[in-house]
Amino acid sequence: MKLSRILLAACMFAPLAAHAETPKHRTVAAIEEAGCVLDASNMNKVLDGLGLSDEEFRGIGEELVAEGLADVSEMGVFRLTSANCPSAPLNAHAETLKDRTIAAIEGVGCVLDRSNINDILDSLALSDDEFRVIGEELIADGLAEVSEMGVFQLSTPICI
């Protein structure tokens, strides 16, 4: 009698274990491992390891967006917001984002304008609102200013 219960339990749980790692779960794990963001610099590397067709990945991506677990910027940057990639309030990681933002703007000549702002925000995986908060902090700290023409200019030691 005990053997039949063990076999029954094994039969009941075997299908669960076999399906525990679905293509969707593997995709989420791979994107999390890549820093929660897919862009042109890492897309192929991440996708090659999944063994999914472009259509399969696109379908999973659309599911994640529909479920509110990801978003895609206008520039095509895919940003995951799963449990391991929370979209925490900005002040929870502002210093890191602020430092990364400064470095990115310094890297394009210390100026953000209409010609490069989307590329910079996408490379940092920042929303407009997140950048607005960081930009206001930089201005308040005396590290940036905005011209009458709307050009955001850093005034860090590298940019002076």
C-alpha atoms as a PDB file:
ATOM      1  CA  MET A   1       0.000   0.000   0.000  1.00  0.00           C
ATOM      2  CA  LYS A   2       2.824   2.422   0.851  1.00  0.00           C
ATOM      3  CA  LEU A   3       4.526   1.805  -2.495  1.00  0.00           C
ATOM      4  CA  SER A   4       1.353   2.649  -4.406  1.00  0.00           C
ATOM      5  CA  ARG A   5       1.003   5.957  -2.486  1.00  0.00           C
ATOM      6  CA  ILE A   6       4.623   6.829  -3.227  1.00  0.00           C
ATOM      7  CA  LEU A   7       4.122   6.043  -6.911  1.00  0.00           C
ATOM      8  CA  LEU A   8       0.891   8.060  -6.968  1.00  0.00           C
ATOM      9  CA  ALA A   9       2.646  11.029  -5.345  1.00  0.00           C
ATOM     10  CA  ALA A  10       5.537  10.750  -7.798  1.00  0.00           C
ATOM     11  CA  CYS A  11       3.113  10.679 -10.730  1.00  0.00           C
ATOM     12  CA  MET A  12       1.246  13.701  -9.389  1.00  0.00           C
ATOM     13  CA  PHE A  13       4.341  15.860  -8.899  1.00  0.00           C
ATOM     14  CA  ALA A  14       6.412  14.785 -11.904  1.00  0.00           C
ATOM     15  CA  PRO A  15       4.425  16.907 -14.379  1.00  0.00           C
ATOM     16  CA  LEU A  16       4.789  19.940 -12.100  1.00  0.00           C
ATOM     17  CA  ALA A  17       8.560  19.602 -11.979  1.00  0.00           C
ATOM     18  CA  ALA A  18       8.753  19.069 -15.728  1.00  0.00           C
ATOM     19  CA  HIS A  19       6.899  22.333 -16.365  1.00  0.00           C
ATOM     20  CA  ALA A  20       8.446  24.351 -13.545  1.00  0.00           C
ATOM     21  CA  GLU A  21      10.924  25.973 -15.882  1.00  0.00           C
ATOM     22  CA  THR A  22       8.907  27.193 -18.800  1.00  0.00           C
ATOM     23  CA  PRO A  23      10.383  29.245 -21.636  1.00  0.00           C
ATOM     24  CA  LYS A  24       8.845  32.301 -19.962  1.00  0.00           C
ATOM     25  CA  HIS A  25      10.545  31.544 -16.620  1.00  0.00           C
ATOM     26  CA  ARG A  26      13.864  30.923 -18.374  1.00  0.00           C
ATOM     27  CA  THR A  27      13.487  34.196 -20.275  1.00  0.00           C
ATOM     28  CA  VAL A  28      12.782  36.177 -17.107  1.00  0.00           C
ATOM     29  CA  ALA A  29      15.760  34.563 -15.351  1.00  0.00           C
ATOM     30  CA  ALA A  30      18.079  35.337 -18.287  1.00  0.00           C
ATOM     31  CA  ILE A  31      16.976  38.977 -18.434  1.00  0.00           C
ATOM     32  CA  GLU A  32      17.374  39.322 -14.660  1.00  0.00           C
ATOM     33  CA  GLU A  33      20.878  37.883 -14.953  1.00  0.00           C
ATOM     34  CA  ALA A  34      21.643  40.447 -17.684  1.00  0.00           C
ATOM     35  CA  GLY A  35      20.800  43.302 -15.311  1.00  0.00           C
ATOM     36  CA  CYS A  36      17.062  43.469 -16.011  1.00  0.00           C
ATOM     37  CA  VAL A  37      17.520  45.387 -19.264  1.00  0.00           C
ATOM     38  CA  LEU A  38      17.817  44.158 -22.848  1.00  0.00           C
ATOM     39  CA  ASP A  39      19.163  46.523 -25.461  1.00  0.00           C
ATOM     40  CA  ALA A  40      21.267  46.315 -28.596  1.00  0.00           C
ATOM     41  CA  SER A  41      24.414  45.661 -26.557  1.00  0.00           C
ATOM     42  CA  ASN A  42      23.223  42.448 -24.894  1.00  0.00           C
ATOM     43  CA  MET A  43      20.124  41.257 -26.780  1.00  0.00           C
ATOM     44  CA  ASN A  44      21.805  38.573 -28.908  1.00  0.00           C
ATOM     45  CA  LYS A  45      23.861  37.162 -26.061  1.00  0.00           C
ATOM     46  CA  VAL A  46      20.793  36.754 -23.851  1.00  0.00           C
ATOM     47  CA  LEU A  47      18.541  35.384 -26.583  1.00  0.00           C
ATOM     48  CA  ASP A  48      21.134  32.924 -27.916  1.00  0.00           C
ATOM     49  CA  GLY A  49      21.221  31.170 -24.548  1.00  0.00           C
ATOM     50  CA  LEU A  50      17.440  30.711 -24.448  1.00  0.00           C
ATOM     51  CA  GLY A  51      17.000  28.704 -27.629  1.00  0.00           C
ATOM     52  CA  LEU A  52      13.831  30.592 -28.562  1.00  0.00           C
ATOM     53  CA  SER A  53      12.823  31.852 -31.963  1.00  0.00           C
ATOM     54  CA  ASP A  54      12.336  35.586 -32.404  1.00  0.00           C
ATOM     55  CA  GLU A  55       8.574  34.976 -32.515  1.00  0.00           C
ATOM     56  CA  GLU A  56       8.611  32.980 -29.279  1.00  0.00           C
ATOM     57  CA  PHE A  57      10.648  35.660 -27.509  1.00  0.00           C
ATOM     58  CA  ARG A  58       8.416  38.419 -28.873  1.00  0.00           C
ATOM     59  CA  GLY A  59       5.344  36.572 -27.564  1.00  0.00           C
ATOM     60  CA  ILE A  60       6.884  36.166 -24.108  1.00  0.00           C
ATOM     61  CA  GLY A  61       7.936  39.815 -24.112  1.00  0.00           C
ATOM     62  CA  GLU A  62       4.424  40.917 -25.044  1.00  0.00           C
ATOM     63  CA  GLU A  63       3.022  38.758 -22.226  1.00  0.00           C
ATOM     64  CA  LEU A  64       5.402  40.320 -19.710  1.00  0.00           C
ATOM     65  CA  VAL A  65       4.460  43.827 -20.856  1.00  0.00           C
ATOM     66  CA  ALA A  66       0.732  42.993 -20.729  1.00  0.00           C
ATOM     67  CA  GLU A  67       1.184  41.642 -17.190  1.00  0.00           C
ATOM     68  CA  GLY A  68       2.957  44.845 -16.140  1.00  0.00           C
ATOM     69  CA  LEU A  69       6.257  43.020 -15.564  1.00  0.00           C
ATOM     70  CA  ALA A  70       8.157  44.833 -18.313  1.00  0.00           C
ATOM     71  CA  ASP A  71       8.122  47.834 -20.574  1.00  0.00           C
ATOM     72  CA  VAL A  72       9.710  48.728 -23.875  1.00  0.00           C
ATOM     73  CA  SER A  73      10.978  52.225 -24.605  1.00  0.00           C
ATOM     74  CA  GLU A  74      10.532  54.039 -27.883  1.00  0.00           C
ATOM     75  CA  MET A  75      14.146  53.154 -28.677  1.00  0.00           C
ATOM     76  CA  GLY A  76      13.491  49.425 -28.187  1.00  0.00           C
ATOM     77  CA  VAL A  77      15.046  48.950 -24.752  1.00  0.00           C
ATOM     78  CA  PHE A  78      13.262  46.145 -22.885  1.00  0.00           C
ATOM     79  CA  ARG A  79      13.174  46.750 -19.121  1.00  0.00           C
ATOM     80  CA  LEU A  80      12.026  43.986 -16.785  1.00  0.00           C
ATOM     81  CA  THR A  81      10.306  44.911 -13.524  1.00  0.00           C
ATOM     82  CA  SER A  82       9.939  41.464 -11.964  1.00  0.00           C
ATOM     83  CA  ALA A  83      10.417  40.671  -8.264  1.00  0.00           C
ATOM     84  CA  ASN A  84      14.189  40.555  -8.802  1.00  0.00           C
ATOM     85  CA  CYS A  85      14.106  43.775 -10.862  1.00  0.00           C
ATOM     86  CA  PRO A  86      11.745  45.986  -8.938  1.00  0.00           C
ATOM     87  CA  SER A  87      10.952  49.449 -10.108  1.00  0.00           C
ATOM     88  CA  ALA A  88      11.755  50.727  -6.645  1.00  0.00           C
ATOM     89  CA  PRO A  89      11.169  54.320  -5.735  1.00  0.00           C
ATOM     90  CA  LEU A  90      13.932  56.419  -7.195  1.00  0.00           C
ATOM     91  CA  ASN A  91      15.358  57.470  -3.840  1.00  0.00           C
ATOM     92  CA  ALA A  92      16.039  53.818  -2.983  1.00  0.00           C
ATOM     93  CA  HIS A  93      18.808  53.735  -5.589  1.00  0.00           C
ATOM     94  CA  ALA A  94      19.107  57.374  -6.641  1.00  0.00           C
ATOM     95  CA  GLU A  95      22.809  57.686  -5.880  1.00  0.00           C
ATOM     96  CA  THR A  96      23.682  54.861  -8.242  1.00  0.00           C
ATOM     97  CA  LEU A  97      21.348  56.178 -10.942  1.00  0.00           C
ATOM     98  CA  LYS A  98      22.557  59.716 -10.364  1.00  0.00           C
ATOM     99  CA  ASP A  99      26.197  58.641 -10.767  1.00  0.00           C
ATOM    100  CA  ARG A 100      25.374  56.610 -13.868  1.00  0.00           C
ATOM    101  CA  THR A 101      23.399  59.525 -15.299  1.00  0.00           C
ATOM    102  CA  ILE A 102      26.265  61.957 -14.738  1.00  0.00           C
ATOM    103  CA  ALA A 103      28.733  59.546 -16.360  1.00  0.00           C
ATOM    104  CA  ALA A 104      26.450  58.985 -19.364  1.00  0.00           C
ATOM    105  CA  ILE A 105      25.949  62.714 -19.941  1.00  0.00           C
ATOM    106  CA  GLU A 106      29.661  63.382 -19.526  1.00  0.00           C
ATOM    107  CA  GLY A 107      30.255  60.677 -22.115  1.00  0.00           C
ATOM    108  CA  VAL A 108      28.247  62.576 -24.749  1.00  0.00           C
ATOM    109  CA  GLY A 109      29.969  65.893 -24.194  1.00  0.00           C
ATOM    110  CA  CYS A 110      28.135  67.081 -21.070  1.00  0.00           C
ATOM    111  CA  VAL A 111      25.015  68.222 -22.926  1.00  0.00           C
ATOM    112  CA  LEU A 112      21.564  66.667 -23.299  1.00  0.00           C
ATOM    113  CA  ASP A 113      19.227  68.030 -25.925  1.00  0.00           C
ATOM    114  CA  ARG A 114      16.542  66.729 -28.259  1.00  0.00           C
ATOM    115  CA  SER A 115      19.117  65.002 -30.432  1.00  0.00           C
ATOM    116  CA  ASN A 116      20.477  62.674 -27.739  1.00  0.00           C
ATOM    117  CA  ILE A 117      18.178  62.575 -24.717  1.00  0.00           C
ATOM    118  CA  ASN A 118      16.224  59.468 -25.778  1.00  0.00           C
ATOM    119  CA  ASP A 119      19.408  57.507 -26.439  1.00  0.00           C
ATOM    120  CA  ILE A 120      20.812  58.450 -23.023  1.00  0.00           C
ATOM    121  CA  LEU A 121      17.611  57.690 -21.126  1.00  0.00           C
ATOM    122  CA  ASP A 122      17.270  54.354 -22.912  1.00  0.00           C
ATOM    123  CA  SER A 123      20.869  53.395 -22.244  1.00  0.00           C
ATOM    124  CA  LEU A 124      20.278  54.105 -18.553  1.00  0.00           C
ATOM    125  CA  ALA A 125      16.809  52.500 -18.616  1.00  0.00           C
ATOM    126  CA  LEU A 126      15.381  55.677 -17.064  1.00  0.00           C
ATOM    127  CA  SER A 127      11.879  56.981 -17.539  1.00  0.00           C
ATOM    128  CA  ASP A 128      11.315  60.664 -18.209  1.00  0.00           C
ATOM    129  CA  ASP A 129      10.068  61.080 -14.623  1.00  0.00           C
ATOM    130  CA  GLU A 130      13.135  59.373 -13.159  1.00  0.00           C
ATOM    131  CA  PHE A 131      15.415  61.618 -15.198  1.00  0.00           C
ATOM    132  CA  ARG A 132      13.419  64.686 -14.172  1.00  0.00           C
ATOM    133  CA  VAL A 133      14.040  63.865 -10.493  1.00  0.00           C
ATOM    134  CA  ILE A 134      17.768  63.304 -11.089  1.00  0.00           C
ATOM    135  CA  GLY A 135      18.028  66.406 -13.260  1.00  0.00           C
ATOM    136  CA  GLU A 136      16.367  68.531 -10.578  1.00  0.00           C
ATOM    137  CA  GLU A 137      18.803  67.138  -7.989  1.00  0.00           C
ATOM    138  CA  LEU A 138      21.762  67.960 -10.229  1.00  0.00           C
ATOM    139  CA  ILE A 139      20.478  71.492 -10.738  1.00  0.00           C
ATOM    140  CA  ALA A 140      19.851  71.920  -6.999  1.00  0.00           C
ATOM    141  CA  ASP A 141      23.396  70.645  -6.306  1.00  0.00           C
ATOM    142  CA  GLY A 142      24.819  73.183  -8.749  1.00  0.00           C
ATOM    143  CA  LEU A 143      26.009  70.430 -11.104  1.00  0.00           C
ATOM    144  CA  ALA A 144      23.728  71.287 -14.023  1.00  0.00           C
ATOM    145  CA  GLU A 145      21.592  73.957 -15.602  1.00  0.00           C
ATOM    146  CA  VAL A 146      18.996  74.210 -18.333  1.00  0.00           C
ATOM    147  CA  SER A 147      19.318  76.888 -20.983  1.00  0.00           C
ATOM    148  CA  GLU A 148      16.443  78.953 -22.341  1.00  0.00           C
ATOM    149  CA  MET A 149      16.517  76.634 -25.370  1.00  0.00           C
ATOM    150  CA  GLY A 150      15.944  73.591 -23.126  1.00  0.00           C
ATOM    151  CA  VAL A 151      19.497  72.233 -23.331  1.00  0.00           C
ATOM    152  CA  PHE A 152      20.594  70.389 -20.178  1.00  0.00           C
ATOM    153  CA  GLN A 153      24.260  71.210 -19.462  1.00  0.00           C
ATOM    154  CA  LEU A 154      26.350  69.513 -16.776  1.00  0.00           C
ATOM    155  CA  SER A 155      28.902  71.553 -14.881  1.00  0.00           C
ATOM    156  CA  THR A 156      30.837  68.747 -13.211  1.00  0.00           C
ATOM    157  CA  PRO A 157      34.661  68.903 -13.013  1.00  0.00           C
ATOM    158  CA  ILE A 158      34.839  66.905 -16.259  1.00  0.00           C
ATOM    159  CA  CYS A 159      32.471  69.308 -18.024  1.00  0.00           C
ATOM    160  CA  ILE A 160      34.007  72.615 -17.015  1.00  0.00           C
END
